[in-house]
Amino acid sequence: MHLIDIAGRFPKEKLSEIASRLGITKGAVTQMVQKLEEKGYVLRVRSTENKKTVYLNLTPKGMQAFRCHTDLHSRLWADFLKEISDIPEELREGAISIMKRLCPA
């Protein structure tokens, strides 16, 4: 799911850049892409300028998964903010800061 999320948010990134964002090797990304491609979530697209460069495109099925994931995070953030609305502001700011580090946008 995280690979689908990155591919949806950063559609012009190379596989090596996606690997860096996820903190995993390019080989691990390649294996994940192969599985997601077989399941119909992503397509590999080679650059027209450099045939070695590969980008990912989300298929309609992949876009649906990406939107569901994005919606889930939006609802979780809204619920989190609602839950902490009654605590003192300095504690609320600290909690928000921690969540932003754990779940960067």
PDB file of N, CA and C in Angstrom:
ATOM      1  N   MET A   1       0.820  -1.187   0.000  1.00  0.00           N
ATOM      2  CA  MET A   1       0.000   0.000   0.000  1.00  0.00           C
ATOM      3  C   MET A   1       0.868   1.257   0.000  1.00  0.00           C
ATOM      4  N   HIS A   2       1.982   1.200   0.724  1.00  0.00           N
ATOM      5  CA  HIS A   2       2.844   2.381   0.765  1.00  0.00           C
ATOM      6  C   HIS A   2       3.442   2.690  -0.603  1.00  0.00           C
ATOM      7  N   LEU A   3       3.745   1.659  -1.367  1.00  0.00           N
ATOM      8  CA  LEU A   3       4.268   1.889  -2.707  1.00  0.00           C
ATOM      9  C   LEU A   3       3.197   2.524  -3.592  1.00  0.00           C
ATOM     10  N   ILE A   4       1.974   2.067  -3.484  1.00  0.00           N
ATOM     11  CA  ILE A   4       0.872   2.665  -4.244  1.00  0.00           C
ATOM     12  C   ILE A   4       0.689   4.121  -3.823  1.00  0.00           C
ATOM     13  N   ASP A   5       0.788   4.386  -2.533  1.00  0.00           N
ATOM     14  CA  ASP A   5       0.662   5.755  -2.034  1.00  0.00           C
ATOM     15  C   ASP A   5       1.747   6.661  -2.619  1.00  0.00           C
ATOM     16  N   ILE A   6       2.994   6.214  -2.600  1.00  0.00           N
ATOM     17  CA  ILE A   6       4.105   7.011  -3.145  1.00  0.00           C
ATOM     18  C   ILE A   6       3.926   7.213  -4.646  1.00  0.00           C
ATOM     19  N   ALA A   7       3.541   6.161  -5.363  1.00  0.00           N
ATOM     20  CA  ALA A   7       3.337   6.272  -6.814  1.00  0.00           C
ATOM     21  C   ALA A   7       2.208   7.248  -7.132  1.00  0.00           C
ATOM     22  N   GLY A   8       1.194   7.300  -6.280  1.00  0.00           N
ATOM     23  CA  GLY A   8       0.092   8.234  -6.497  1.00  0.00           C
ATOM     24  C   GLY A   8       0.460   9.668  -6.178  1.00  0.00           C
ATOM     25  N   ARG A   9       1.241   9.855  -5.118  1.00  0.00           N
ATOM     26  CA  ARG A   9       1.618  11.218  -4.720  1.00  0.00           C
ATOM     27  C   ARG A   9       2.783  11.780  -5.523  1.00  0.00           C
ATOM     28  N   PHE A  10       3.649  10.908  -6.030  1.00  0.00           N
ATOM     29  CA  PHE A  10       4.841  11.342  -6.758  1.00  0.00           C
ATOM     30  C   PHE A  10       4.957  10.571  -8.072  1.00  0.00           C
ATOM     31  N   PRO A  11       4.077  10.847  -9.023  1.00  0.00           N
ATOM     32  CA  PRO A  11       4.014  10.031 -10.245  1.00  0.00           C
ATOM     33  C   PRO A  11       5.234  10.138 -11.161  1.00  0.00           C
ATOM     34  N   LYS A  12       6.066  11.136 -11.005  1.00  0.00           N
ATOM     35  CA  LYS A  12       7.228  11.295 -11.885  1.00  0.00           C
ATOM     36  C   LYS A  12       8.530  10.843 -11.241  1.00  0.00           C
ATOM     37  N   GLU A  13       8.432  10.059 -10.166  1.00  0.00           N
ATOM     38  CA  GLU A  13       9.645   9.582  -9.507  1.00  0.00           C
ATOM     39  C   GLU A  13      10.097   8.248 -10.076  1.00  0.00           C
ATOM     40  N   LYS A  14      11.418   8.121 -10.154  1.00  0.00           N
ATOM     41  CA  LYS A  14      12.018   6.872 -10.622  1.00  0.00           C
ATOM     42  C   LYS A  14      11.933   5.826  -9.506  1.00  0.00           C
ATOM     43  N   LEU A  15      12.103   4.566  -9.889  1.00  0.00           N
ATOM     44  CA  LEU A  15      12.041   3.490  -8.895  1.00  0.00           C
ATOM     45  C   LEU A  15      13.086   3.683  -7.794  1.00  0.00           C
ATOM     46  N   SER A  16      14.267   4.171  -8.148  1.00  0.00           N
ATOM     47  CA  SER A  16      15.300   4.394  -7.135  1.00  0.00           C
ATOM     48  C   SER A  16      14.870   5.469  -6.142  1.00  0.00           C
ATOM     49  N   GLU A  17      14.167   6.489  -6.606  1.00  0.00           N
ATOM     50  CA  GLU A  17      13.672   7.550  -5.719  1.00  0.00           C
ATOM     51  C   GLU A  17      12.553   7.016  -4.820  1.00  0.00           C
ATOM     52  N   ILE A  18      11.726   6.150  -5.368  1.00  0.00           N
ATOM     53  CA  ILE A  18      10.668   5.529  -4.562  1.00  0.00           C
ATOM     54  C   ILE A  18      11.297   4.668  -3.472  1.00  0.00           C
ATOM     55  N   ALA A  19      12.326   3.914  -3.835  1.00  0.00           N
ATOM     56  CA  ALA A  19      13.030   3.078  -2.858  1.00  0.00           C
ATOM     57  C   ALA A  19      13.584   3.940  -1.724  1.00  0.00           C
ATOM     58  N   SER A  20      14.162   5.066  -2.083  1.00  0.00           N
ATOM     59  CA  SER A  20      14.723   5.971  -1.082  1.00  0.00           C
ATOM     60  C   SER A  20      13.636   6.502  -0.148  1.00  0.00           C
ATOM     61  N   ARG A  21      12.507   6.899  -0.708  1.00  0.00           N
ATOM     62  CA  ARG A  21      11.389   7.401   0.114  1.00  0.00           C
ATOM     63  C   ARG A  21      10.885   6.330   1.084  1.00  0.00           C
ATOM     64  N   LEU A  22      10.848   5.088   0.617  1.00  0.00           N
ATOM     65  CA  LEU A  22      10.346   3.995   1.452  1.00  0.00           C
ATOM     66  C   LEU A  22      11.413   3.434   2.388  1.00  0.00           C
ATOM     67  N   GLY A  23      12.664   3.804   2.160  1.00  0.00           N
ATOM     68  CA  GLY A  23      13.747   3.306   3.001  1.00  0.00           C
ATOM     69  C   GLY A  23      14.070   1.840   2.761  1.00  0.00           C
ATOM     70  N   ILE A  24      13.903   1.400   1.510  1.00  0.00           N
ATOM     71  CA  ILE A  24      14.185   0.013   1.140  1.00  0.00           C
ATOM     72  C   ILE A  24      15.058   0.003  -0.111  1.00  0.00           C
ATOM     73  N   THR A  25      15.556  -1.170  -0.484  1.00  0.00           N
ATOM     74  CA  THR A  25      16.424  -1.267  -1.655  1.00  0.00           C
ATOM     75  C   THR A  25      15.611  -1.187  -2.948  1.00  0.00           C
ATOM     76  N   LYS A  26      16.314  -0.845  -4.020  1.00  0.00           N
ATOM     77  CA  LYS A  26      15.664  -0.808  -5.328  1.00  0.00           C
ATOM     78  C   LYS A  26      15.175  -2.199  -5.727  1.00  0.00           C
ATOM     79  N   GLY A  27      15.942  -3.226  -5.342  1.00  0.00           N
ATOM     80  CA  GLY A  27      15.530  -4.606  -5.626  1.00  0.00           C
ATOM     81  C   GLY A  27      14.221  -4.962  -4.941  1.00  0.00           C
ATOM     82  N   ALA A  28      14.051  -4.492  -3.707  1.00  0.00           N
ATOM     83  CA  ALA A  28      12.799  -4.751  -2.983  1.00  0.00           C
ATOM     84  C   ALA A  28      11.638  -4.043  -3.672  1.00  0.00           C
ATOM     85  N   VAL A  29      11.886  -2.819  -4.129  1.00  0.00           N
ATOM     86  CA  VAL A  29      10.836  -2.096  -4.854  1.00  0.00           C
ATOM     87  C   VAL A  29      10.483  -2.833  -6.139  1.00  0.00           C
ATOM     88  N   THR A  30      11.488  -3.306  -6.840  1.00  0.00           N
ATOM     89  CA  THR A  30      11.249  -4.035  -8.087  1.00  0.00           C
ATOM     90  C   THR A  30      10.368  -5.260  -7.840  1.00  0.00           C
ATOM     91  N   GLN A  31      10.644  -5.987  -6.761  1.00  0.00           N
ATOM     92  CA  GLN A  31       9.822  -7.157  -6.431  1.00  0.00           C
ATOM     93  C   GLN A  31       8.389  -6.744  -6.103  1.00  0.00           C
ATOM     94  N   MET A  32       8.236  -5.670  -5.343  1.00  0.00           N
ATOM     95  CA  MET A  32       6.897  -5.194  -4.987  1.00  0.00           C
ATOM     96  C   MET A  32       6.139  -4.746  -6.238  1.00  0.00           C
ATOM     97  N   VAL A  33       6.843  -4.041  -7.120  1.00  0.00           N
ATOM     98  CA  VAL A  33       6.212  -3.560  -8.353  1.00  0.00           C
ATOM     99  C   VAL A  33       5.746  -4.740  -9.194  1.00  0.00           C
ATOM    100  N   GLN A  34       6.562  -5.769  -9.269  1.00  0.00           N
ATOM    101  CA  GLN A  34       6.179  -6.951 -10.054  1.00  0.00           C
ATOM    102  C   GLN A  34       4.879  -7.557  -9.523  1.00  0.00           C
ATOM    103  N   LYS A  35       4.766  -7.679  -8.218  1.00  0.00           N
ATOM    104  CA  LYS A  35       3.549  -8.242  -7.621  1.00  0.00           C
ATOM    105  C   LYS A  35       2.348  -7.332  -7.847  1.00  0.00           C
ATOM    106  N   LEU A  36       2.555  -6.019  -7.688  1.00  0.00           N
ATOM    107  CA  LEU A  36       1.449  -5.078  -7.893  1.00  0.00           C
ATOM    108  C   LEU A  36       1.039  -5.009  -9.360  1.00  0.00           C
ATOM    109  N   GLU A  37       2.012  -5.181 -10.241  1.00  0.00           N
ATOM    110  CA  GLU A  37       1.716  -5.198 -11.677  1.00  0.00           C
ATOM    111  C   GLU A  37       0.880  -6.437 -12.027  1.00  0.00           C
ATOM    112  N   GLU A  38       1.257  -7.580 -11.475  1.00  0.00           N
ATOM    113  CA  GLU A  38       0.504  -8.821 -11.718  1.00  0.00           C
ATOM    114  C   GLU A  38      -0.928  -8.723 -11.210  1.00  0.00           C
ATOM    115  N   LYS A  39      -1.114  -7.969 -10.125  1.00  0.00           N
ATOM    116  CA  LYS A  39      -2.452  -7.812  -9.540  1.00  0.00           C
ATOM    117  C   LYS A  39      -3.240  -6.671 -10.180  1.00  0.00           C
ATOM    118  N   GLY A  40      -2.603  -5.939 -11.103  1.00  0.00           N
ATOM    119  CA  GLY A  40      -3.312  -4.905 -11.849  1.00  0.00           C
ATOM    120  C   GLY A  40      -3.380  -3.535 -11.191  1.00  0.00           C
ATOM    121  N   TYR A  41      -2.442  -3.242 -10.268  1.00  0.00           N
ATOM    122  CA  TYR A  41      -2.452  -1.947  -9.583  1.00  0.00           C
ATOM    123  C   TYR A  41      -1.535  -0.910 -10.218  1.00  0.00           C
ATOM    124  N   VAL A  42      -0.435  -1.354 -10.815  1.00  0.00           N
ATOM    125  CA  VAL A  42       0.533  -0.420 -11.402  1.00  0.00           C
ATOM    126  C   VAL A  42       0.994  -0.914 -12.759  1.00  0.00           C
ATOM    127  N   LEU A  43       1.543   0.026 -13.523  1.00  0.00           N
ATOM    128  CA  LEU A  43       2.190  -0.275 -14.792  1.00  0.00           C
ATOM    129  C   LEU A  43       3.563   0.373 -14.779  1.00  0.00           C
ATOM    130  N   ARG A  44       4.555  -0.342 -15.261  1.00  0.00           N
ATOM    131  CA  ARG A  44       5.887   0.248 -15.424  1.00  0.00           C
ATOM    132  C   ARG A  44       5.917   0.977 -16.757  1.00  0.00           C
ATOM    133  N   VAL A  45       6.470   2.173 -16.739  1.00  0.00           N
ATOM    134  CA  VAL A  45       6.586   2.971 -17.959  1.00  0.00           C
ATOM    135  C   VAL A  45       8.040   3.402 -18.096  1.00  0.00           C
ATOM    136  N   ARG A  46       8.640   3.091 -19.234  1.00  0.00           N
ATOM    137  CA  ARG A  46      10.031   3.495 -19.480  1.00  0.00           C
ATOM    138  C   ARG A  46      10.069   4.919 -20.021  1.00  0.00           C
ATOM    139  N   SER A  47      11.074   5.653 -19.599  1.00  0.00           N
ATOM    140  CA  SER A  47      11.273   7.022 -20.057  1.00  0.00           C
ATOM    141  C   SER A  47      11.592   7.018 -21.546  1.00  0.00           C
ATOM    142  N   THR A  48      11.110   8.002 -22.258  1.00  0.00           N
ATOM    143  CA  THR A  48      11.423   8.108 -23.684  1.00  0.00           C
ATOM    144  C   THR A  48      12.837   8.640 -23.893  1.00  0.00           C
ATOM    145  N   GLU A  49      13.363   9.402 -22.922  1.00  0.00           N
ATOM    146  CA  GLU A  49      14.713   9.953 -23.038  1.00  0.00           C
ATOM    147  C   GLU A  49      15.792   8.937 -22.666  1.00  0.00           C
ATOM    148  N   ASN A  50      15.516   8.124 -21.639  1.00  0.00           N
ATOM    149  CA  ASN A  50      16.505   7.174 -21.131  1.00  0.00           C
ATOM    150  C   ASN A  50      15.780   5.855 -20.855  1.00  0.00           C
ATOM    151  N   LYS A  51      16.044   4.877 -21.659  1.00  0.00           N
ATOM    152  CA  LYS A  51      15.322   3.595 -21.566  1.00  0.00           C
ATOM    153  C   LYS A  51      15.554   2.863 -20.239  1.00  0.00           C
ATOM    154  N   LYS A  52      16.624   3.225 -19.499  1.00  0.00           N
ATOM    155  CA  LYS A  52      16.882   2.591 -18.208  1.00  0.00           C
ATOM    156  C   LYS A  52      15.965   3.136 -17.115  1.00  0.00           C
ATOM    157  N   THR A  53      15.474   4.340 -17.316  1.00  0.00           N
ATOM    158  CA  THR A  53      14.644   4.996 -16.301  1.00  0.00           C
ATOM    159  C   THR A  53      13.218   4.455 -16.375  1.00  0.00           C
ATOM    160  N   VAL A  54      12.716   4.021 -15.214  1.00  0.00           N
ATOM    161  CA  VAL A  54      11.371   3.450 -15.134  1.00  0.00           C
ATOM    162  C   VAL A  54      10.541   4.251 -14.139  1.00  0.00           C
ATOM    163  N   TYR A  55       9.329   4.584 -14.558  1.00  0.00           N
ATOM    164  CA  TYR A  55       8.370   5.267 -13.698  1.00  0.00           C
ATOM    165  C   TYR A  55       7.191   4.321 -13.468  1.00  0.00           C
ATOM    166  N   LEU A  56       6.365   4.651 -12.496  1.00  0.00           N
ATOM    167  CA  LEU A  56       5.164   3.862 -12.245  1.00  0.00           C
ATOM    168  C   LEU A  56       3.925   4.686 -12.553  1.00  0.00           C
ATOM    169  N   ASN A  57       2.983   4.065 -13.189  1.00  0.00           N
ATOM    170  CA  ASN A  57       1.661   4.654 -13.378  1.00  0.00           C
ATOM    171  C   ASN A  57       0.663   3.785 -12.644  1.00  0.00           C
ATOM    172  N   LEU A  58      -0.258   4.419 -11.951  1.00  0.00           N
ATOM    173  CA  LEU A  58      -1.318   3.657 -11.306  1.00  0.00           C
ATOM    174  C   LEU A  58      -2.384   3.338 -12.345  1.00  0.00           C
ATOM    175  N   THR A  59      -2.869   2.125 -12.336  1.00  0.00           N
ATOM    176  CA  THR A  59      -3.991   1.733 -13.183  1.00  0.00           C
ATOM    177  C   THR A  59      -5.271   2.276 -12.527  1.00  0.00           C
ATOM    178  N   PRO A  60      -6.417   2.170 -13.178  1.00  0.00           N
ATOM    179  CA  PRO A  60      -7.662   2.574 -12.504  1.00  0.00           C
ATOM    180  C   PRO A  60      -7.859   1.861 -11.162  1.00  0.00           C
ATOM    181  N   LYS A  61      -7.516   0.588 -11.109  1.00  0.00           N
ATOM    182  CA  LYS A  61      -7.601  -0.162  -9.855  1.00  0.00           C
ATOM    183  C   LYS A  61      -6.622   0.412  -8.827  1.00  0.00           C
ATOM    184  N   GLY A  62      -5.429   0.766  -9.265  1.00  0.00           N
ATOM    185  CA  GLY A  62      -4.437   1.376  -8.393  1.00  0.00           C
ATOM    186  C   GLY A  62      -4.872   2.746  -7.898  1.00  0.00           C
ATOM    187  N   MET A  63      -5.494   3.530  -8.781  1.00  0.00           N
ATOM    188  CA  MET A  63      -5.993   4.850  -8.377  1.00  0.00           C
ATOM    189  C   MET A  63      -7.099   4.719  -7.338  1.00  0.00           C
ATOM    190  N   GLN A  64      -7.934   3.718  -7.485  1.00  0.00           N
ATOM    191  CA  GLN A  64      -8.998   3.491  -6.504  1.00  0.00           C
ATOM    192  C   GLN A  64      -8.393   3.139  -5.140  1.00  0.00           C
ATOM    193  N   ALA A  65      -7.384   2.280  -5.138  1.00  0.00           N
ATOM    194  CA  ALA A  65      -6.712   1.926  -3.887  1.00  0.00           C
ATOM    195  C   ALA A  65      -6.029   3.146  -3.279  1.00  0.00           C
ATOM    196  N   PHE A  66      -5.393   3.961  -4.114  1.00  0.00           N
ATOM    197  CA  PHE A  66      -4.735   5.181  -3.650  1.00  0.00           C
ATOM    198  C   PHE A  66      -5.744   6.137  -3.010  1.00  0.00           C
ATOM    199  N   ARG A  67      -6.876   6.330  -3.669  1.00  0.00           N
ATOM    200  CA  ARG A  67      -7.908   7.237  -3.115  1.00  0.00           C
ATOM    201  C   ARG A  67      -8.467   6.700  -1.800  1.00  0.00           C
ATOM    202  N   CYS A  68      -8.702   5.408  -1.719  1.00  0.00           N
ATOM    203  CA  CYS A  68      -9.196   4.813  -0.462  1.00  0.00           C
ATOM    204  C   CYS A  68      -8.186   5.012   0.663  1.00  0.00           C
ATOM    205  N   HIS A  69      -6.914   4.818   0.360  1.00  0.00           N
ATOM    206  CA  HIS A  69      -5.855   4.995   1.352  1.00  0.00           C
ATOM    207  C   HIS A  69      -5.776   6.463   1.802  1.00  0.00           C
ATOM    208  N   THR A  70      -5.848   7.378   0.849  1.00  0.00           N
ATOM    209  CA  THR A  70      -5.808   8.807   1.153  1.00  0.00           C
ATOM    210  C   THR A  70      -7.010   9.207   2.001  1.00  0.00           C
ATOM    211  N   ASP A  71      -8.182   8.712   1.644  1.00  0.00           N
ATOM    212  CA  ASP A  71      -9.400   8.999   2.420  1.00  0.00           C
ATOM    213  C   ASP A  71      -9.289   8.460   3.841  1.00  0.00           C
ATOM    214  N   LEU A  72      -8.729   7.268   3.978  1.00  0.00           N
ATOM    215  CA  LEU A  72      -8.549   6.680   5.304  1.00  0.00           C
ATOM    216  C   LEU A  72      -7.662   7.582   6.169  1.00  0.00           C
ATOM    217  N   HIS A  73      -6.543   8.024   5.607  1.00  0.00           N
ATOM    218  CA  HIS A  73      -5.650   8.904   6.370  1.00  0.00           C
ATOM    219  C   HIS A  73      -6.330  10.220   6.722  1.00  0.00           C
ATOM    220  N   SER A  74      -7.126  10.754   5.821  1.00  0.00           N
ATOM    221  CA  SER A  74      -7.854  12.000   6.107  1.00  0.00           C
ATOM    222  C   SER A  74      -8.824  11.807   7.271  1.00  0.00           C
ATOM    223  N   ARG A  75      -9.539  10.698   7.255  1.00  0.00           N
ATOM    224  CA  ARG A  75     -10.485  10.419   8.348  1.00  0.00           C
ATOM    225  C   ARG A  75      -9.746  10.207   9.667  1.00  0.00           C
ATOM    226  N   LEU A  76      -8.617   9.493   9.618  1.00  0.00           N
ATOM    227  CA  LEU A  76      -7.837   9.273  10.830  1.00  0.00           C
ATOM    228  C   LEU A  76      -7.316  10.589  11.404  1.00  0.00           C
ATOM    229  N   TRP A  77      -6.837  11.482  10.529  1.00  0.00           N
ATOM    230  CA  TRP A  77      -6.377  12.791  10.993  1.00  0.00           C
ATOM    231  C   TRP A  77      -7.518  13.570  11.619  1.00  0.00           C
ATOM    232  N   ALA A  78      -8.667  13.569  10.976  1.00  0.00           N
ATOM    233  CA  ALA A  78      -9.828  14.298  11.502  1.00  0.00           C
ATOM    234  C   ALA A  78     -10.229  13.740  12.867  1.00  0.00           C
ATOM    235  N   ASP A  79     -10.255  12.423  12.992  1.00  0.00           N
ATOM    236  CA  ASP A  79     -10.590  11.793  14.280  1.00  0.00           C
ATOM    237  C   ASP A  79      -9.551  12.142  15.342  1.00  0.00           C
ATOM    238  N   PHE A  80      -8.286  12.108  14.964  1.00  0.00           N
ATOM    239  CA  PHE A  80      -7.210  12.442  15.893  1.00  0.00           C
ATOM    240  C   PHE A  80      -7.350  13.885  16.391  1.00  0.00           C
ATOM    241  N   LEU A  81      -7.568  14.813  15.461  1.00  0.00           N
ATOM    242  CA  LEU A  81      -7.699  16.218  15.844  1.00  0.00           C
ATOM    243  C   LEU A  81      -8.925  16.443  16.728  1.00  0.00           C
ATOM    244  N   LYS A  82      -9.996  15.731  16.450  1.00  0.00           N
ATOM    245  CA  LYS A  82     -11.203  15.835  17.273  1.00  0.00           C
ATOM    246  C   LYS A  82     -10.919  15.338  18.689  1.00  0.00           C
ATOM    247  N   GLU A  83     -10.209  14.211  18.785  1.00  0.00           N
ATOM    248  CA  GLU A  83      -9.917  13.614  20.091  1.00  0.00           C
ATOM    249  C   GLU A  83      -9.018  14.499  20.951  1.00  0.00           C
ATOM    250  N   ILE A  84      -8.088  15.210  20.332  1.00  0.00           N
ATOM    251  CA  ILE A  84      -7.159  16.020  21.125  1.00  0.00           C
ATOM    252  C   ILE A  84      -7.632  17.461  21.302  1.00  0.00           C
ATOM    253  N   SER A  85      -8.811  17.787  20.793  1.00  0.00           N
ATOM    254  CA  SER A  85      -9.286  19.173  20.852  1.00  0.00           C
ATOM    255  C   SER A  85      -9.522  19.667  22.275  1.00  0.00           C
ATOM    256  N   ASP A  86      -9.748  18.775  23.209  1.00  0.00           N
ATOM    257  CA  ASP A  86     -10.040  19.182  24.592  1.00  0.00           C
ATOM    258  C   ASP A  86      -8.815  19.259  25.493  1.00  0.00           C
ATOM    259  N   ILE A  87      -7.648  18.883  24.998  1.00  0.00           N
ATOM    260  CA  ILE A  87      -6.471  18.942  25.858  1.00  0.00           C
ATOM    261  C   ILE A  87      -5.814  20.317  25.738  1.00  0.00           C
ATOM    262  N   PRO A  88      -4.993  20.704  26.720  1.00  0.00           N
ATOM    263  CA  PRO A  88      -4.339  22.021  26.677  1.00  0.00           C
ATOM    264  C   PRO A  88      -3.537  22.220  25.386  1.00  0.00           C
ATOM    265  N   GLU A  89      -3.470  23.455  24.931  1.00  0.00           N
ATOM    266  CA  GLU A  89      -2.857  23.772  23.638  1.00  0.00           C
ATOM    267  C   GLU A  89      -1.411  23.289  23.516  1.00  0.00           C
ATOM    268  N   GLU A  90      -0.603  23.463  24.568  1.00  0.00           N
ATOM    269  CA  GLU A  90       0.802  23.056  24.464  1.00  0.00           C
ATOM    270  C   GLU A  90       0.935  21.540  24.291  1.00  0.00           C
ATOM    271  N   LEU A  91       0.065  20.787  24.927  1.00  0.00           N
ATOM    272  CA  LEU A  91       0.072  19.330  24.743  1.00  0.00           C
ATOM    273  C   LEU A  91      -0.456  18.961  23.359  1.00  0.00           C
ATOM    274  N   ARG A  92      -1.468  19.690  22.909  1.00  0.00           N
ATOM    275  CA  ARG A  92      -2.058  19.450  21.591  1.00  0.00           C
ATOM    276  C   ARG A  92      -1.007  19.691  20.501  1.00  0.00           C
ATOM    277  N   GLU A  93      -0.258  20.789  20.605  1.00  0.00           N
ATOM    278  CA  GLU A  93       0.779  21.092  19.613  1.00  0.00           C
ATOM    279  C   GLU A  93       1.850  20.006  19.591  1.00  0.00           C
ATOM    280  N   GLY A  94       2.229  19.508  20.774  1.00  0.00           N
ATOM    281  CA  GLY A  94       3.208  18.417  20.841  1.00  0.00           C
ATOM    282  C   GLY A  94       2.690  17.151  20.191  1.00  0.00           C
ATOM    283  N   ALA A  95       1.436  16.825  20.436  1.00  0.00           N
ATOM    284  CA  ALA A  95       0.833  15.619  19.845  1.00  0.00           C
ATOM    285  C   ALA A  95       0.772  15.741  18.323  1.00  0.00           C
ATOM    286  N   ILE A  96       0.410  16.924  17.841  1.00  0.00           N
ATOM    287  CA  ILE A  96       0.341  17.139  16.387  1.00  0.00           C
ATOM    288  C   ILE A  96       1.728  17.037  15.772  1.00  0.00           C
ATOM    289  N   SER A  97       2.723  17.594  16.455  1.00  0.00           N
ATOM    290  CA  SER A  97       4.105  17.524  15.961  1.00  0.00           C
ATOM    291  C   SER A  97       4.567  16.079  15.846  1.00  0.00           C
ATOM    292  N   ILE A  98       4.270  15.276  16.862  1.00  0.00           N
ATOM    293  CA  ILE A  98       4.652  13.857  16.828  1.00  0.00           C
ATOM    294  C   ILE A  98       3.945  13.133  15.680  1.00  0.00           C
ATOM    295  N   MET A  99       2.670  13.379  15.509  1.00  0.00           N
ATOM    296  CA  MET A  99       1.919  12.716  14.434  1.00  0.00           C
ATOM    297  C   MET A  99       2.451  13.114  13.058  1.00  0.00           C
ATOM    298  N   LYS A 100       2.828  14.370  12.900  1.00  0.00           N
ATOM    299  CA  LYS A 100       3.369  14.807  11.604  1.00  0.00           C
ATOM    300  C   LYS A 100       4.693  14.114  11.286  1.00  0.00           C
ATOM    301  N   ARG A 101       5.492  13.851  12.329  1.00  0.00           N
ATOM    302  CA  ARG A 101       6.751  13.133  12.100  1.00  0.00           C
ATOM    303  C   ARG A 101       6.489  11.661  11.790  1.00  0.00           C
ATOM    304  N   LEU A 102       5.483  11.087  12.420  1.00  0.00           N
ATOM    305  CA  LEU A 102       5.159   9.682  12.180  1.00  0.00           C
ATOM    306  C   LEU A 102       4.464   9.461  10.842  1.00  0.00           C
ATOM    307  N   CYS A 103       3.649  10.414  10.451  1.00  0.00           N
ATOM    308  CA  CYS A 103       2.833  10.282   9.224  1.00  0.00           C
ATOM    309  C   CYS A 103       3.024  11.503   8.346  1.00  0.00           C
ATOM    310  N   PRO A 104       4.192  11.658   7.703  1.00  0.00           N
ATOM    311  CA  PRO A 104       4.400  12.838   6.863  1.00  0.00           C
ATOM    312  C   PRO A 104       3.465  12.821   5.664  1.00  0.00           C
ATOM    313  N   ALA A 105       3.039  13.977   5.269  1.00  0.00           N
ATOM    314  CA  ALA A 105       2.084  14.107   4.154  1.00  0.00           C
ATOM    315  C   ALA A 105       2.748  13.873   2.832  1.00  0.00           C
TER     316      ALA A 105
END
